[in-house]
Amino acid sequence: MSWNGLRMGADDKPVRLRARIDPVKCKAYSVCANLAPEVFLIDEWGFGYVRQGEVTPENDRRIQRAVRACPVKAIDLVDMDE
């Protein structure tokens, strides 16, 4: 299943997605940056942050894997307009 960077909103209109890391939940495992280095980077203390979070057809599979693989579930996908 491919997200293609979109999901259907409450009004059945497509919603563009972006990745977001919760800095409180992140425990510096670096899984996200290993799976999707074009999206996630690691800071000087080892914590992940988003470089370019828009979910696109080119990166959606890697972002999906990072979301599922994060041991503390610190990665969320949110509406680009939020």
C-alpha atoms as a PDB file:
ATOM      1  CA  MET A   1       0.000   0.000   0.000  1.00  0.00           C
ATOM      2  CA  SER A   2       1.364   3.386  -0.972  1.00  0.00           C
ATOM      3  CA  TRP A   3       0.306   6.611   0.665  1.00  0.00           C
ATOM      4  CA  ASN A   4       1.509   8.748  -2.258  1.00  0.00           C
ATOM      5  CA  GLY A   5       1.703  11.624   0.200  1.00  0.00           C
ATOM      6  CA  LEU A   6      -2.061  11.909   0.471  1.00  0.00           C
ATOM      7  CA  ARG A   7      -4.902  10.689   2.621  1.00  0.00           C
ATOM      8  CA  MET A   8      -8.572  11.481   2.531  1.00  0.00           C
ATOM      9  CA  GLY A   9      -9.765  14.139   4.948  1.00  0.00           C
ATOM     10  CA  ALA A  10     -13.099  14.275   6.759  1.00  0.00           C
ATOM     11  CA  ASP A  11     -14.667  16.040   3.772  1.00  0.00           C
ATOM     12  CA  ASP A  12     -13.318  13.387   1.322  1.00  0.00           C
ATOM     13  CA  LYS A  13     -10.761  15.829  -0.062  1.00  0.00           C
ATOM     14  CA  PRO A  14      -7.134  14.707  -0.302  1.00  0.00           C
ATOM     15  CA  VAL A  15      -4.846  15.961   2.471  1.00  0.00           C
ATOM     16  CA  ARG A  16      -1.103  16.351   1.849  1.00  0.00           C
ATOM     17  CA  LEU A  17       1.035  14.878   4.597  1.00  0.00           C
ATOM     18  CA  ARG A  18       4.319  15.761   6.257  1.00  0.00           C
ATOM     19  CA  ALA A  19       6.433  13.904   8.774  1.00  0.00           C
ATOM     20  CA  ARG A  20       6.922  15.325  12.251  1.00  0.00           C
ATOM     21  CA  ILE A  21       9.114  14.111  15.125  1.00  0.00           C
ATOM     22  CA  ASP A  22       7.894  14.654  18.667  1.00  0.00           C
ATOM     23  CA  PRO A  23      11.026  15.928  20.453  1.00  0.00           C
ATOM     24  CA  VAL A  24       9.706  14.790  23.835  1.00  0.00           C
ATOM     25  CA  LYS A  25       9.205  11.191  22.672  1.00  0.00           C
ATOM     26  CA  CYS A  26      12.435  10.951  20.652  1.00  0.00           C
ATOM     27  CA  LYS A  27      15.125   8.991  22.531  1.00  0.00           C
ATOM     28  CA  ALA A  28      17.938   9.290  19.943  1.00  0.00           C
ATOM     29  CA  TYR A  29      17.798   5.799  18.445  1.00  0.00           C
ATOM     30  CA  SER A  30      18.516   7.298  14.970  1.00  0.00           C
ATOM     31  CA  VAL A  31      16.346   4.732  13.187  1.00  0.00           C
ATOM     32  CA  CYS A  32      14.539   7.434  11.207  1.00  0.00           C
ATOM     33  CA  ALA A  33      17.700   8.904   9.693  1.00  0.00           C
ATOM     34  CA  ASN A  34      19.010   5.449   8.806  1.00  0.00           C
ATOM     35  CA  LEU A  35      15.805   4.556   6.950  1.00  0.00           C
ATOM     36  CA  ALA A  36      15.051   7.925   5.319  1.00  0.00           C
ATOM     37  CA  PRO A  37      18.164  10.145   5.364  1.00  0.00           C
ATOM     38  CA  GLU A  38      16.698  12.533   2.803  1.00  0.00           C
ATOM     39  CA  VAL A  39      13.854  13.290   5.248  1.00  0.00           C
ATOM     40  CA  PHE A  40      15.377  12.954   8.736  1.00  0.00           C
ATOM     41  CA  LEU A  41      18.673  14.194  10.175  1.00  0.00           C
ATOM     42  CA  ILE A  42      20.377  13.670  13.532  1.00  0.00           C
ATOM     43  CA  ASP A  43      21.464  16.603  15.679  1.00  0.00           C
ATOM     44  CA  GLU A  44      24.712  16.862  17.648  1.00  0.00           C
ATOM     45  CA  TRP A  45      23.139  15.040  20.628  1.00  0.00           C
ATOM     46  CA  GLY A  46      21.812  12.182  18.493  1.00  0.00           C
ATOM     47  CA  PHE A  47      18.168  13.245  18.343  1.00  0.00           C
ATOM     48  CA  GLY A  48      16.241  13.122  15.086  1.00  0.00           C
ATOM     49  CA  TYR A  49      14.704  16.110  13.382  1.00  0.00           C
ATOM     50  CA  VAL A  50      12.925  16.654  10.088  1.00  0.00           C
ATOM     51  CA  ARG A  51      14.937  18.009   7.190  1.00  0.00           C
ATOM     52  CA  GLN A  52      12.205  17.906   4.547  1.00  0.00           C
ATOM     53  CA  GLY A  53       9.044  16.328   5.843  1.00  0.00           C
ATOM     54  CA  GLU A  54       6.644  16.436   2.916  1.00  0.00           C
ATOM     55  CA  VAL A  55       5.506  12.936   1.978  1.00  0.00           C
ATOM     56  CA  THR A  56       6.013  12.492  -1.757  1.00  0.00           C
ATOM     57  CA  PRO A  57       5.699   9.513  -4.108  1.00  0.00           C
ATOM     58  CA  GLU A  58       9.511   9.285  -4.036  1.00  0.00           C
ATOM     59  CA  ASN A  59       9.883   9.058  -0.249  1.00  0.00           C
ATOM     60  CA  ASP A  60       6.572   7.669   1.026  1.00  0.00           C
ATOM     61  CA  ARG A  61       7.807   4.070   1.447  1.00  0.00           C
ATOM     62  CA  ARG A  62      10.891   5.154   3.403  1.00  0.00           C
ATOM     63  CA  ILE A  63       8.822   7.421   5.631  1.00  0.00           C
ATOM     64  CA  GLN A  64       6.304   4.624   6.229  1.00  0.00           C
ATOM     65  CA  ARG A  65       9.147   2.336   7.283  1.00  0.00           C
ATOM     66  CA  ALA A  66      10.581   4.985   9.623  1.00  0.00           C
ATOM     67  CA  VAL A  67       7.174   5.580  11.246  1.00  0.00           C
ATOM     68  CA  ARG A  68       6.701   1.848  11.848  1.00  0.00           C
ATOM     69  CA  ALA A  69      10.297   1.235  12.954  1.00  0.00           C
ATOM     70  CA  CYS A  70      10.654   4.045  15.499  1.00  0.00           C
ATOM     71  CA  PRO A  71      10.965   2.210  18.827  1.00  0.00           C
ATOM     72  CA  VAL A  72       9.249   5.003  20.777  1.00  0.00           C
ATOM     73  CA  LYS A  73       6.707   5.987  18.092  1.00  0.00           C
ATOM     74  CA  ALA A  74       7.988   9.562  17.967  1.00  0.00           C
ATOM     75  CA  ILE A  75       7.183  10.104  14.264  1.00  0.00           C
ATOM     76  CA  ASP A  76       3.744  11.291  13.189  1.00  0.00           C
ATOM     77  CA  LEU A  77       2.254  12.145   9.839  1.00  0.00           C
ATOM     78  CA  VAL A  78       0.233  15.342   9.931  1.00  0.00           C
ATOM     79  CA  ASP A  79      -1.638  17.580   7.525  1.00  0.00           C
ATOM     80  CA  MET A  80       0.754  19.919   5.666  1.00  0.00           C
ATOM     81  CA  ASP A  81      -1.529  22.830   6.597  1.00  0.00           C
ATOM     82  CA  GLU A  82      -1.223  22.248  10.378  1.00  0.00           C
END
